[in-house]
C-alpha atoms as a PDB file:
ATOM      1  CA  MET A   1      -0.121  -1.770 -17.463  1.00  0.00           C
ATOM      2  CA  LEU A   2       1.783  -4.927 -16.609  1.00  0.00           C
ATOM      3  CA  ILE A   3       3.789  -4.745 -19.830  1.00  0.00           C
ATOM      4  CA  ALA A   4       4.521  -1.040 -19.273  1.00  0.00           C
ATOM      5  CA  ASP A   5       5.764  -1.739 -15.711  1.00  0.00           C
ATOM      6  CA  THR A   6       7.895  -4.608 -16.974  1.00  0.00           C
ATOM      7  CA  ASP A   7       9.365  -2.492 -19.764  1.00  0.00           C
ATOM      8  CA  ALA A   8       9.988   0.671 -17.720  1.00  0.00           C
ATOM      9  CA  ILE A   9      10.940  -0.726 -14.313  1.00  0.00           C
ATOM     10  CA  ILE A  10      11.626  -4.459 -14.218  1.00  0.00           C
ATOM     11  CA  ILE A  11      13.733  -5.032 -17.334  1.00  0.00           C
ATOM     12  CA  PRO A  12      16.109  -2.083 -16.732  1.00  0.00           C
ATOM     13  CA  SER A  13      16.550  -3.319 -13.149  1.00  0.00           C
ATOM     14  CA  VAL A  14      17.413  -6.896 -14.013  1.00  0.00           C
ATOM     15  CA  ARG A  15      20.736  -6.189 -15.701  1.00  0.00           C
ATOM     16  CA  PRO A  16      22.283  -2.919 -14.550  1.00  0.00           C
ATOM     17  CA  THR A  17      25.661  -2.164 -16.059  1.00  0.00           C
ATOM     18  CA  ARG A  18      28.560   0.045 -15.091  1.00  0.00           C
ATOM     19  CA  ALA A  19      27.460   2.479 -17.761  1.00  0.00           C
ATOM     20  CA  HIS A  20      23.864   2.423 -16.408  1.00  0.00           C
ATOM     21  CA  PRO A  21      24.017   1.544 -12.693  1.00  0.00           C
ATOM     22  CA  ASP A  22      20.582   3.044 -11.965  1.00  0.00           C
ATOM     23  CA  VAL A  23      18.139   0.367 -10.779  1.00  0.00           C
ATOM     24  CA  PRO A  24      14.530   1.584 -11.155  1.00  0.00           C
ATOM     25  CA  THR A  25      13.024  -1.007  -8.798  1.00  0.00           C
ATOM     26  CA  ILE A  26      14.946   0.374  -5.824  1.00  0.00           C
ATOM     27  CA  ARG A  27      14.648   4.070  -6.643  1.00  0.00           C
ATOM     28  CA  PRO A  28      12.633   5.848  -3.961  1.00  0.00           C
ATOM     29  CA  THR A  29       8.999   6.323  -4.830  1.00  0.00           C
ATOM     30  CA  ASN A  30       7.552   9.786  -5.299  1.00  0.00           C
ATOM     31  CA  TYR A  31       4.139  11.372  -4.796  1.00  0.00           C
ATOM     32  CA  GLU A  32       3.006  10.612  -8.373  1.00  0.00           C
ATOM     33  CA  HIS A  33       3.837   6.902  -8.053  1.00  0.00           C
ATOM     34  CA  ARG A  34       1.955   6.666  -4.775  1.00  0.00           C
ATOM     35  CA  ALA A  35      -1.040   8.590  -6.149  1.00  0.00           C
ATOM     36  CA  MET A  36      -1.284   6.265  -9.175  1.00  0.00           C
ATOM     37  CA  TYR A  37      -0.888   3.227  -6.921  1.00  0.00           C
ATOM     38  CA  ILE A  38      -3.649   4.240  -4.481  1.00  0.00           C
ATOM     39  CA  ARG A  39      -6.005   5.272  -7.298  1.00  0.00           C
ATOM     40  CA  LEU A  40      -5.619   1.940  -9.093  1.00  0.00           C
ATOM     41  CA  LEU A  41      -5.819  -0.057  -5.855  1.00  0.00           C
ATOM     42  CA  CYS A  42      -9.064   1.652  -4.783  1.00  0.00           C
ATOM     43  CA  ASP A  43     -10.567   1.560  -8.302  1.00  0.00           C
ATOM     44  CA  THR A  44      -9.838  -2.162  -8.595  1.00  0.00           C
ATOM     45  CA  LEU A  45     -11.271  -3.001  -5.174  1.00  0.00           C
ATOM     46  CA  ASN A  46     -14.319  -0.818  -5.871  1.00  0.00           C
ATOM     47  CA  ASP A  47     -14.892  -2.537  -9.219  1.00  0.00           C
ATOM     48  CA  TRP A  48     -14.843  -5.896  -7.451  1.00  0.00           C
ATOM     49  CA  ALA A  49     -16.957  -4.806  -4.474  1.00  0.00           C
ATOM     50  CA  ASN A  50     -20.692  -5.096  -4.218  1.00  0.00           C
ATOM     51  CA  THR A  51     -22.801  -1.984  -4.726  1.00  0.00           C
ATOM     52  CA  VAL A  52     -23.186  -1.357  -0.984  1.00  0.00           C
ATOM     53  CA  TYR A  53     -19.563  -0.503  -0.089  1.00  0.00           C
ATOM     54  CA  GLN A  54     -16.621   1.382  -1.503  1.00  0.00           C
ATOM     55  CA  VAL A  55     -12.982   1.849  -0.528  1.00  0.00           C
ATOM     56  CA  HIS A  56     -11.126   5.147  -0.066  1.00  0.00           C
ATOM     57  CA  GLY A  57      -7.386   5.312   0.397  1.00  0.00           C
ATOM     58  CA  ARG A  58      -4.452   7.506   1.298  1.00  0.00           C
ATOM     59  CA  THR A  59      -0.706   7.052   1.493  1.00  0.00           C
ATOM     60  CA  ALA A  60       2.010   8.556   3.628  1.00  0.00           C
ATOM     61  CA  VAL A  61       5.741   7.999   3.887  1.00  0.00           C
ATOM     62  CA  GLU A  62       8.374   8.302   6.535  1.00  0.00           C
ATOM     63  CA  GLU A  63      11.572   8.655   4.537  1.00  0.00           C
ATOM     64  CA  THR A  64      13.839   8.554   7.573  1.00  0.00           C
ATOM     65  CA  VAL A  65      12.497   5.098   8.447  1.00  0.00           C
ATOM     66  CA  GLY A  66      12.150   4.015   4.806  1.00  0.00           C
ATOM     67  CA  VAL A  67       8.524   2.980   5.161  1.00  0.00           C
ATOM     68  CA  GLY A  68       5.358   3.908   3.352  1.00  0.00           C
ATOM     69  CA  LEU A  69       1.905   3.438   4.766  1.00  0.00           C
ATOM     70  CA  VAL A  70      -1.304   2.792   2.863  1.00  0.00           C
ATOM     71  CA  VAL A  71      -4.571   3.243   4.732  1.00  0.00           C
ATOM     72  CA  LEU A  72      -7.854   2.094   3.212  1.00  0.00           C
ATOM     73  CA  GLU A  73     -11.275   2.841   4.650  1.00  0.00           C
ATOM     74  CA  LYS A  74     -14.440   0.956   3.750  1.00  0.00           C
ATOM     75  CA  THR A  75     -17.576   3.124   3.673  1.00  0.00           C
ATOM     76  CA  GLN A  76     -21.105   2.918   2.401  1.00  0.00           C
ATOM     77  CA  ARG A  77     -21.084   3.687  -1.334  1.00  0.00           C
ATOM     78  CA  GLY A  78     -21.332   7.449  -1.867  1.00  0.00           C
ATOM     79  CA  GLN A  79     -20.282   8.252   1.696  1.00  0.00           C
ATOM     80  CA  LEU A  80     -17.059  10.146   2.388  1.00  0.00           C
ATOM     81  CA  PRO A  81     -14.435   8.523   4.611  1.00  0.00           C
ATOM     82  CA  ALA A  82     -14.812   9.469   8.289  1.00  0.00           C
ATOM     83  CA  ARG A  83     -11.691   7.972   9.907  1.00  0.00           C
ATOM     84  CA  LEU A  84      -9.114   8.233   7.123  1.00  0.00           C
ATOM     85  CA  ASP A  85      -7.670  11.641   8.046  1.00  0.00           C
ATOM     86  CA  ALA A  86      -7.259  10.702  11.707  1.00  0.00           C
ATOM     87  CA  ALA A  87      -5.679   7.390  10.698  1.00  0.00           C
ATOM     88  CA  MET A  88      -2.999   9.214   8.719  1.00  0.00           C
ATOM     89  CA  GLU A  89      -1.665  11.317  11.667  1.00  0.00           C
ATOM     90  CA  ASP A  90       1.917  10.529  10.783  1.00  0.00           C
ATOM     91  CA  VAL A  91       3.546   7.319   9.723  1.00  0.00           C
ATOM     92  CA  GLN A  92       5.718   6.764  12.790  1.00  0.00           C
ATOM     93  CA  SER A  93       2.869   7.199  15.272  1.00  0.00           C
ATOM     94  CA  VAL A  94       0.642   4.858  13.244  1.00  0.00           C
ATOM     95  CA  ILE A  95       3.399   2.226  13.131  1.00  0.00           C
ATOM     96  CA  ILE A  96       3.935   2.583  16.886  1.00  0.00           C
ATOM     97  CA  ARG A  97       0.180   2.181  17.455  1.00  0.00           C
ATOM     98  CA  LEU A  98       0.098  -0.898  15.190  1.00  0.00           C
ATOM     99  CA  GLN A  99       3.060  -2.311  17.098  1.00  0.00           C
ATOM    100  CA  GLN A 100       1.321  -1.784  20.447  1.00  0.00           C
ATOM    101  CA  THR A 101      -1.917  -3.315  19.176  1.00  0.00           C
ATOM    102  CA  ALA A 102      -0.173  -6.327  17.649  1.00  0.00           C
ATOM    103  CA  ALA A 103       1.973  -6.842  20.751  1.00  0.00           C
ATOM    104  CA  LYS A 104      -1.180  -7.172  22.874  1.00  0.00           C
ATOM    105  CA  SER A 105      -2.542  -9.866  20.583  1.00  0.00           C
ATOM    106  CA  TYR A 106       0.568 -11.701  19.452  1.00  0.00           C
ATOM    107  CA  GLY A 107       3.277 -10.860  21.981  1.00  0.00           C
ATOM    108  CA  SER A 108       5.689  -9.418  19.438  1.00  0.00           C
ATOM    109  CA  PHE A 109       5.671  -7.328  16.323  1.00  0.00           C
ATOM    110  CA  GLU A 110       8.195  -7.102  13.547  1.00  0.00           C
ATOM    111  CA  LEU A 111       7.849  -4.583  10.751  1.00  0.00           C
ATOM    112  CA  VAL A 112       7.614  -6.680   7.633  1.00  0.00           C
ATOM    113  CA  ARG A 113       7.161  -5.714   4.039  1.00  0.00           C
ATOM    114  CA  GLY A 114       3.495  -5.678   3.115  1.00  0.00           C
ATOM    115  CA  LEU A 115       2.141  -6.069   6.643  1.00  0.00           C
ATOM    116  CA  LYS A 116      -1.646  -5.788   6.515  1.00  0.00           C
ATOM    117  CA  VAL A 117      -3.561  -4.946   9.667  1.00  0.00           C
ATOM    118  CA  PHE A 118      -7.348  -4.739   9.724  1.00  0.00           C
ATOM    119  CA  ASP A 119      -8.820  -2.385  12.336  1.00  0.00           C
ATOM    120  CA  LYS A 120     -12.619  -2.310  12.059  1.00  0.00           C
ATOM    121  CA  ASN A 121     -13.307  -0.602   8.710  1.00  0.00           C
ATOM    122  CA  LEU A 122      -9.656   0.431   8.185  1.00  0.00           C
ATOM    123  CA  LEU A 123      -6.843  -1.520   6.588  1.00  0.00           C
ATOM    124  CA  TYR A 124      -3.215  -0.497   7.182  1.00  0.00           C
ATOM    125  CA  ILE A 125      -0.507  -1.725   4.810  1.00  0.00           C
ATOM    126  CA  THR A 126       3.196  -1.083   5.301  1.00  0.00           C
ATOM    127  CA  LYS A 127       5.375  -0.886   2.215  1.00  0.00           C
ATOM    128  CA  PRO A 128       9.041  -0.188   1.528  1.00  0.00           C
ATOM    129  CA  LEU A 129       9.712   2.986  -0.443  1.00  0.00           C
ATOM    130  CA  GLY A 130      11.288   1.265  -3.458  1.00  0.00           C
ATOM    131  CA  GLN A 131       9.492   2.014  -6.717  1.00  0.00           C
ATOM    132  CA  ARG A 132       8.671  -1.636  -7.381  1.00  0.00           C
ATOM    133  CA  PHE A 133       6.277  -1.647  -4.433  1.00  0.00           C
ATOM    134  CA  TRP A 134       4.262   1.271  -5.862  1.00  0.00           C
ATOM    135  CA  THR A 135       3.773   0.220  -9.496  1.00  0.00           C
ATOM    136  CA  ASN A 136       0.487  -0.542 -11.212  1.00  0.00           C
ATOM    137  CA  THR A 137       1.465  -4.205 -11.036  1.00  0.00           C
ATOM    138  CA  ALA A 138       1.913  -3.910  -7.259  1.00  0.00           C
ATOM    139  CA  ALA A 139      -1.498  -2.211  -6.940  1.00  0.00           C
ATOM    140  CA  LEU A 140      -3.219  -5.019  -8.854  1.00  0.00           C
ATOM    141  CA  ASN A 141      -1.378  -7.694  -6.859  1.00  0.00           C
ATOM    142  CA  ASP A 142      -2.232  -5.970  -3.574  1.00  0.00           C
ATOM    143  CA  ALA A 143      -5.903  -5.661  -4.593  1.00  0.00           C
ATOM    144  CA  ASP A 144      -5.960  -9.389  -5.338  1.00  0.00           C
ATOM    145  CA  GLU A 145      -4.323 -10.212  -2.009  1.00  0.00           C
ATOM    146  CA  ILE A 146      -6.711  -7.947  -0.064  1.00  0.00           C
ATOM    147  CA  ALA A 147      -9.754  -9.437  -1.786  1.00  0.00           C
ATOM    148  CA  THR A 148      -8.477 -12.966  -1.117  1.00  0.00           C
ATOM    149  CA  THR A 149      -7.895 -12.155   2.564  1.00  0.00           C
ATOM    150  CA  ILE A 150     -11.389 -10.703   2.937  1.00  0.00           C
ATOM    151  CA  LEU A 151     -13.061 -13.585   1.125  1.00  0.00           C
ATOM    152  CA  THR A 152     -11.261 -16.236   3.179  1.00  0.00           C
ATOM    153  CA  ARG A 153     -11.993 -14.647   6.595  1.00  0.00           C
END
């Protein structure tokens, strides 16, 4: 997967030419990219998790703002997610809610790439819409970062 991402997305993006100005890393993501990303992210986290819990995930985008949102819900293994649908209302309202929550705790909030906010059994991740943020490589890197964050808490 890493070699395929490098060959299809990274290498053509490194040296665009006048004849080929298209840069795959900054192309907007599409539904298929996001579906593959969330599937691999959840599968990887579930492979690493103990047998008691599992992770479910969904994505949404707000193209006018240029932001994607990943929401993960931890449940008992075999149980369907209970809060995931409500958490995905729409991207702008979720971002506004995250901003209000973070402002109470930290005084200010700035939308940054890859912001991760834990809210009970939910994890919200903001992502730019460029293709490079939704590759298999990004899913594996995000799974590693999430697992590291959980293990070091």
